[in-house]
N, C-alpha and C. Protein backbone atom coordinates (compact mmCIF):
# COMPACT_ATOMS: atom_id res chain seq x y z
N UNK A 1 0.82 -1.19 0.00
CA UNK A 1 0.00 0.00 0.00
C UNK A 1 0.87 1.26 0.00
N UNK A 2 1.92 1.25 0.82
CA UNK A 2 2.79 2.41 0.91
C UNK A 2 3.46 2.70 -0.44
N UNK A 3 3.85 1.63 -1.16
CA UNK A 3 4.49 1.79 -2.45
C UNK A 3 3.53 2.45 -3.46
N UNK A 4 2.25 2.12 -3.42
CA UNK A 4 1.27 2.71 -4.32
C UNK A 4 1.13 4.21 -4.05
N UNK A 5 1.14 4.61 -2.79
CA UNK A 5 1.04 6.02 -2.46
C UNK A 5 2.25 6.80 -2.95
N UNK A 6 3.44 6.22 -2.78
CA UNK A 6 4.66 6.89 -3.26
C UNK A 6 4.61 7.03 -4.77
N UNK A 7 4.20 5.99 -5.48
CA UNK A 7 4.09 6.04 -6.94
C UNK A 7 3.10 7.09 -7.39
N UNK A 8 1.95 7.17 -6.74
CA UNK A 8 0.95 8.19 -7.08
C UNK A 8 1.47 9.59 -6.82
N UNK A 9 2.17 9.79 -5.73
CA UNK A 9 2.74 11.11 -5.43
C UNK A 9 3.75 11.49 -6.49
N UNK A 10 4.54 10.53 -6.92
CA UNK A 10 5.53 10.78 -7.96
C UNK A 10 4.86 11.18 -9.27
N UNK A 11 3.79 10.48 -9.62
CA UNK A 11 3.05 10.81 -10.84
C UNK A 11 2.42 12.19 -10.76
N UNK A 12 1.89 12.53 -9.60
CA UNK A 12 1.28 13.84 -9.41
C UNK A 12 2.34 14.93 -9.55
N UNK A 13 3.50 14.74 -8.94
CA UNK A 13 4.57 15.74 -9.05
C UNK A 13 5.05 15.87 -10.49
N UNK A 14 5.16 14.75 -11.19
CA UNK A 14 5.57 14.78 -12.60
C UNK A 14 4.53 15.54 -13.42
N UNK A 15 3.25 15.28 -13.16
CA UNK A 15 2.18 15.98 -13.87
C UNK A 15 2.26 17.48 -13.61
N UNK A 16 2.46 17.87 -12.37
CA UNK A 16 2.56 19.29 -12.02
C UNK A 16 3.72 19.95 -12.76
N UNK A 17 4.86 19.26 -12.81
CA UNK A 17 6.03 19.81 -13.51
C UNK A 17 5.72 20.03 -14.99
N UNK A 18 5.08 19.05 -15.63
CA UNK A 18 4.72 19.21 -17.04
C UNK A 18 3.69 20.32 -17.24
N UNK A 19 2.76 20.44 -16.31
CA UNK A 19 1.76 21.51 -16.41
C UNK A 19 2.42 22.89 -16.33
N UNK A 20 3.40 23.04 -15.45
CA UNK A 20 4.12 24.31 -15.34
C UNK A 20 4.89 24.59 -16.63
N UNK A 21 5.58 23.59 -17.16
CA UNK A 21 6.32 23.77 -18.41
C UNK A 21 5.38 24.16 -19.54
N UNK A 22 4.25 23.50 -19.65
CA UNK A 22 3.28 23.82 -20.70
C UNK A 22 2.74 25.23 -20.55
N UNK A 23 2.44 25.65 -19.33
CA UNK A 23 1.93 27.00 -19.10
C UNK A 23 2.98 28.05 -19.46
N UNK A 24 4.22 27.82 -19.10
CA UNK A 24 5.29 28.76 -19.44
C UNK A 24 5.50 28.84 -20.95
N UNK A 25 5.43 27.71 -21.61
CA UNK A 25 5.59 27.70 -23.07
C UNK A 25 4.45 28.47 -23.74
N UNK A 26 3.24 28.26 -23.28
CA UNK A 26 2.09 28.97 -23.85
C UNK A 26 2.19 30.47 -23.60
N UNK A 27 2.62 30.86 -22.43
CA UNK A 27 2.74 32.28 -22.10
C UNK A 27 3.82 32.94 -22.94
N UNK A 28 4.94 32.27 -23.15
CA UNK A 28 6.01 32.88 -23.93
C UNK A 28 5.61 32.98 -25.39
N UNK A 29 4.88 32.02 -25.91
CA UNK A 29 4.40 32.08 -27.29
C UNK A 29 3.44 33.25 -27.46
N UNK A 30 2.55 33.46 -26.50
CA UNK A 30 1.62 34.59 -26.56
C UNK A 30 2.35 35.91 -26.49
N UNK A 31 3.37 35.99 -25.68
CA UNK A 31 4.13 37.24 -25.56
C UNK A 31 4.85 37.55 -26.87
N UNK A 32 5.40 36.53 -27.53
CA UNK A 32 6.08 36.77 -28.80
C UNK A 32 5.09 37.18 -29.87
N UNK A 33 3.91 36.60 -29.87
CA UNK A 33 2.92 36.93 -30.87
C UNK A 33 2.38 38.35 -30.68
N UNK A 34 2.34 38.81 -29.46
CA UNK A 34 1.80 40.14 -29.19
C UNK A 34 2.77 41.26 -29.53
N UNK A 35 4.00 40.96 -29.84
CA UNK A 35 4.97 42.00 -30.15
C UNK A 35 5.60 42.54 -28.90
N UNK A 36 6.15 43.73 -29.03
CA UNK A 36 6.88 44.30 -27.91
C UNK A 36 6.08 45.45 -27.30
N UNK A 37 6.54 45.93 -26.18
CA UNK A 37 5.88 47.05 -25.53
C UNK A 37 5.20 46.65 -24.25
N UNK A 38 5.04 47.64 -23.38
CA UNK A 38 4.42 47.45 -22.07
C UNK A 38 3.16 48.30 -22.02
N UNK A 39 2.01 47.64 -21.98
CA UNK A 39 0.73 48.34 -22.03
C UNK A 39 0.54 49.29 -20.85
N UNK A 40 1.06 48.94 -19.69
CA UNK A 40 0.92 49.82 -18.51
C UNK A 40 1.68 51.13 -18.75
N UNK A 41 2.90 51.02 -19.25
CA UNK A 41 3.66 52.23 -19.59
C UNK A 41 2.99 52.97 -20.73
N UNK A 42 2.43 52.22 -21.68
CA UNK A 42 1.75 52.83 -22.81
C UNK A 42 0.53 53.64 -22.40
N UNK A 43 -0.15 53.21 -21.34
CA UNK A 43 -1.30 53.97 -20.85
C UNK A 43 -0.84 55.35 -20.36
N UNK A 44 0.30 55.39 -19.70
CA UNK A 44 0.85 56.67 -19.23
C UNK A 44 1.22 57.56 -20.42
N UNK A 45 1.80 56.97 -21.46
CA UNK A 45 2.14 57.74 -22.67
C UNK A 45 0.85 58.28 -23.28
N UNK A 46 -0.16 57.43 -23.37
CA UNK A 46 -1.44 57.85 -23.93
C UNK A 46 -2.02 59.03 -23.14
N UNK A 47 -2.04 58.90 -21.83
CA UNK A 47 -2.61 59.97 -21.00
C UNK A 47 -1.84 61.27 -21.16
N UNK A 48 -0.52 61.19 -21.27
CA UNK A 48 0.30 62.40 -21.40
C UNK A 48 0.24 63.02 -22.78
N UNK A 49 0.19 62.18 -23.82
CA UNK A 49 0.35 62.69 -25.18
C UNK A 49 -0.93 62.64 -26.02
N UNK A 50 -1.76 61.66 -25.82
CA UNK A 50 -2.88 61.42 -26.74
C UNK A 50 -4.24 61.73 -26.14
N UNK A 51 -4.35 61.61 -24.82
CA UNK A 51 -5.64 61.75 -24.15
C UNK A 51 -6.27 63.12 -24.28
N UNK A 52 -5.50 64.11 -24.63
CA UNK A 52 -6.04 65.46 -24.83
C UNK A 52 -7.02 65.47 -26.01
N UNK A 53 -6.68 64.69 -27.03
CA UNK A 53 -7.48 64.70 -28.26
C UNK A 53 -8.30 63.44 -28.50
N UNK A 54 -7.92 62.32 -27.86
CA UNK A 54 -8.57 61.04 -28.13
C UNK A 54 -9.15 60.43 -26.86
N UNK A 55 -10.35 59.83 -26.98
CA UNK A 55 -10.91 59.01 -25.91
C UNK A 55 -10.29 57.62 -26.00
N UNK A 56 -9.99 57.02 -24.87
CA UNK A 56 -9.53 55.64 -24.85
C UNK A 56 -10.69 54.69 -24.58
N UNK A 57 -11.74 55.19 -23.97
CA UNK A 57 -12.85 54.32 -23.54
C UNK A 57 -14.12 54.52 -24.36
N UNK A 58 -14.03 55.27 -25.43
CA UNK A 58 -15.20 55.52 -26.28
C UNK A 58 -14.78 55.58 -27.74
N UNK A 59 -15.73 55.32 -28.62
CA UNK A 59 -15.51 55.43 -30.05
C UNK A 59 -15.78 56.87 -30.51
N UNK A 60 -16.61 57.59 -29.75
CA UNK A 60 -16.99 58.95 -30.14
C UNK A 60 -15.77 59.85 -30.25
N UNK A 61 -15.88 60.79 -31.16
CA UNK A 61 -14.81 61.74 -31.42
C UNK A 61 -14.66 62.72 -30.27
N UNK A 62 -13.46 63.04 -29.93
CA UNK A 62 -13.13 64.14 -29.01
C UNK A 62 -12.66 65.25 -29.94
N UNK A 63 -11.40 65.55 -30.00
CA UNK A 63 -10.86 66.36 -31.10
C UNK A 63 -10.46 65.43 -32.25
N UNK A 64 -9.89 64.29 -31.87
CA UNK A 64 -9.57 63.23 -32.82
C UNK A 64 -10.50 62.06 -32.54
N UNK A 65 -10.45 61.03 -33.35
CA UNK A 65 -11.36 59.89 -33.15
C UNK A 65 -11.12 59.17 -31.84
N UNK A 66 -12.20 58.60 -31.28
CA UNK A 66 -12.06 57.75 -30.12
C UNK A 66 -11.34 56.47 -30.52
N UNK A 67 -10.52 55.93 -29.63
CA UNK A 67 -9.67 54.81 -30.00
C UNK A 67 -10.08 53.48 -29.37
N UNK A 68 -11.23 53.45 -28.71
CA UNK A 68 -11.71 52.19 -28.14
C UNK A 68 -11.87 51.17 -29.27
N UNK A 69 -11.36 49.97 -29.05
CA UNK A 69 -11.45 48.86 -30.00
C UNK A 69 -10.77 49.17 -31.34
N UNK A 70 -9.76 50.00 -31.31
CA UNK A 70 -9.07 50.39 -32.55
C UNK A 70 -8.61 49.17 -33.35
N UNK A 71 -7.98 48.22 -32.70
CA UNK A 71 -7.42 47.07 -33.42
C UNK A 71 -8.49 46.05 -33.81
N UNK A 72 -9.73 46.27 -33.43
CA UNK A 72 -10.82 45.38 -33.82
C UNK A 72 -11.61 45.95 -35.00
N UNK A 73 -11.27 47.14 -35.42
CA UNK A 73 -12.00 47.80 -36.51
C UNK A 73 -11.53 47.27 -37.86
N UNK A 74 -12.39 47.47 -38.86
CA UNK A 74 -12.03 47.08 -40.23
C UNK A 74 -11.01 48.04 -40.82
N UNK A 75 -11.15 49.33 -40.49
CA UNK A 75 -10.21 50.30 -41.02
C UNK A 75 -10.14 51.53 -40.11
N UNK A 76 -9.05 52.25 -40.27
CA UNK A 76 -8.86 53.51 -39.54
C UNK A 76 -9.41 54.65 -40.39
N UNK A 77 -9.36 55.86 -39.88
CA UNK A 77 -9.87 57.02 -40.60
C UNK A 77 -9.19 57.26 -41.93
N UNK A 78 -7.95 56.79 -42.08
CA UNK A 78 -7.23 56.96 -43.34
C UNK A 78 -7.51 55.82 -44.33
N UNK A 79 -8.44 54.92 -43.97
CA UNK A 79 -8.82 53.82 -44.85
C UNK A 79 -7.96 52.58 -44.72
N UNK A 80 -6.90 52.65 -43.95
CA UNK A 80 -6.00 51.50 -43.80
C UNK A 80 -6.46 50.61 -42.65
N UNK A 81 -6.11 49.32 -42.75
CA UNK A 81 -6.40 48.38 -41.67
C UNK A 81 -5.57 48.75 -40.45
N UNK A 82 -6.12 48.59 -39.25
CA UNK A 82 -5.38 48.93 -38.04
C UNK A 82 -4.39 47.82 -37.63
N UNK A 83 -3.32 47.68 -38.38
CA UNK A 83 -2.24 46.77 -38.02
C UNK A 83 -1.23 47.54 -37.16
N UNK A 84 -0.35 46.81 -36.50
CA UNK A 84 0.68 47.49 -35.71
C UNK A 84 1.47 48.46 -36.57
N UNK A 85 1.85 48.03 -37.77
CA UNK A 85 2.66 48.88 -38.66
C UNK A 85 1.89 50.13 -39.08
N UNK A 86 0.61 49.98 -39.42
CA UNK A 86 -0.18 51.14 -39.85
C UNK A 86 -0.45 52.12 -38.71
N UNK A 87 -0.72 51.59 -37.52
CA UNK A 87 -0.95 52.46 -36.36
C UNK A 87 0.36 53.19 -36.02
N UNK A 88 1.45 52.46 -36.05
CA UNK A 88 2.76 53.05 -35.77
C UNK A 88 3.08 54.15 -36.78
N UNK A 89 2.77 53.92 -38.06
CA UNK A 89 3.01 54.93 -39.09
C UNK A 89 2.17 56.18 -38.83
N UNK A 90 0.93 55.99 -38.40
CA UNK A 90 0.04 57.12 -38.09
C UNK A 90 0.60 57.92 -36.92
N UNK A 91 1.10 57.22 -35.90
CA UNK A 91 1.71 57.90 -34.76
C UNK A 91 2.93 58.69 -35.23
N UNK A 92 3.76 58.07 -36.05
CA UNK A 92 4.98 58.73 -36.53
C UNK A 92 4.69 59.94 -37.41
N UNK A 93 3.74 59.79 -38.34
CA UNK A 93 3.50 60.81 -39.36
C UNK A 93 2.43 61.84 -38.98
N UNK A 94 1.46 61.45 -38.15
CA UNK A 94 0.35 62.35 -37.84
C UNK A 94 -0.47 62.65 -39.09
N UNK A 95 -1.38 63.59 -39.01
CA UNK A 95 -2.17 64.11 -40.14
C UNK A 95 -3.47 64.70 -39.61
N UNK A 96 -4.11 65.52 -40.43
CA UNK A 96 -5.40 66.13 -40.08
C UNK A 96 -5.40 66.76 -38.70
N UNK A 97 -4.38 67.52 -38.39
CA UNK A 97 -4.31 68.20 -37.10
C UNK A 97 -3.54 67.43 -36.04
N UNK A 98 -3.31 66.14 -36.26
CA UNK A 98 -2.53 65.35 -35.32
C UNK A 98 -1.05 65.58 -35.60
N UNK A 99 -0.29 65.95 -34.59
CA UNK A 99 1.14 66.15 -34.83
C UNK A 99 1.86 64.83 -35.09
N UNK A 100 2.98 64.93 -35.77
CA UNK A 100 3.84 63.76 -35.99
C UNK A 100 4.63 63.52 -34.71
N UNK A 101 4.57 62.30 -34.21
CA UNK A 101 5.28 61.96 -32.98
C UNK A 101 6.59 61.22 -33.23
N UNK A 102 7.01 61.18 -34.50
CA UNK A 102 8.21 60.44 -34.86
C UNK A 102 9.41 60.85 -34.00
N UNK A 103 9.59 62.14 -33.81
CA UNK A 103 10.72 62.63 -33.03
C UNK A 103 10.33 63.07 -31.62
N UNK A 104 9.03 63.00 -31.30
CA UNK A 104 8.57 63.43 -29.98
C UNK A 104 8.51 62.28 -28.97
N UNK A 105 8.35 61.06 -29.48
CA UNK A 105 8.32 59.88 -28.62
C UNK A 105 9.49 58.97 -28.99
N UNK A 106 10.07 58.33 -27.99
CA UNK A 106 11.14 57.36 -28.25
C UNK A 106 10.53 56.09 -28.85
N UNK A 107 11.37 55.26 -29.43
CA UNK A 107 10.89 53.99 -29.98
C UNK A 107 10.24 53.12 -28.89
N UNK A 108 10.86 52.99 -27.70
CA UNK A 108 10.19 52.21 -26.65
C UNK A 108 8.85 52.81 -26.23
N UNK A 109 8.73 54.13 -26.19
CA UNK A 109 7.45 54.77 -25.85
C UNK A 109 6.39 54.43 -26.89
N UNK A 110 6.78 54.43 -28.16
CA UNK A 110 5.83 54.07 -29.21
C UNK A 110 5.44 52.60 -29.13
N UNK A 111 6.41 51.74 -28.80
CA UNK A 111 6.09 50.32 -28.59
C UNK A 111 5.07 50.16 -27.46
N UNK A 112 5.31 50.89 -26.37
CA UNK A 112 4.41 50.83 -25.22
C UNK A 112 3.02 51.36 -25.59
N UNK A 113 2.99 52.46 -26.32
CA UNK A 113 1.71 53.05 -26.73
C UNK A 113 0.91 52.09 -27.61
N UNK A 114 1.56 51.45 -28.57
CA UNK A 114 0.86 50.49 -29.43
C UNK A 114 0.37 49.32 -28.59
N UNK A 115 1.18 48.85 -27.65
CA UNK A 115 0.75 47.75 -26.77
C UNK A 115 -0.50 48.16 -25.99
N UNK A 116 -0.54 49.39 -25.51
CA UNK A 116 -1.72 49.87 -24.78
C UNK A 116 -2.94 49.97 -25.71
N UNK A 117 -2.75 50.52 -26.89
CA UNK A 117 -3.87 50.67 -27.82
C UNK A 117 -4.48 49.32 -28.18
N UNK A 118 -3.68 48.27 -28.17
CA UNK A 118 -4.19 46.92 -28.45
C UNK A 118 -5.08 46.40 -27.34
N UNK A 119 -4.99 47.00 -26.14
CA UNK A 119 -5.83 46.55 -25.02
C UNK A 119 -7.19 47.24 -25.01
N UNK A 120 -7.36 48.27 -25.79
CA UNK A 120 -8.61 49.05 -25.74
C UNK A 120 -9.76 48.31 -26.40
């Protein structure tokens, strides 16, 4: 009887180890697929730089368009699909009253901002 309990405990520990490995592998794959940037830092960038003209929690226009669900839309105001590259280009180039942030934000700040916009 004692041997059966030891064997079961060993199997349970082995299962737990594999479950942890599988969870870590899944998490790292998701992180790589999501790109770079820190959404928490990006929220601060948004509040400092973008929140004056854009809503984060609404689609309705402020001075610029509301950005809620931006990455779930079929297209942006310029007719392009809201991909990371297209959103990043819009941030860099600006237009229609929006300033170009190419030289105003660092590359990591733009990465963070795009990561935040993907959470809206």
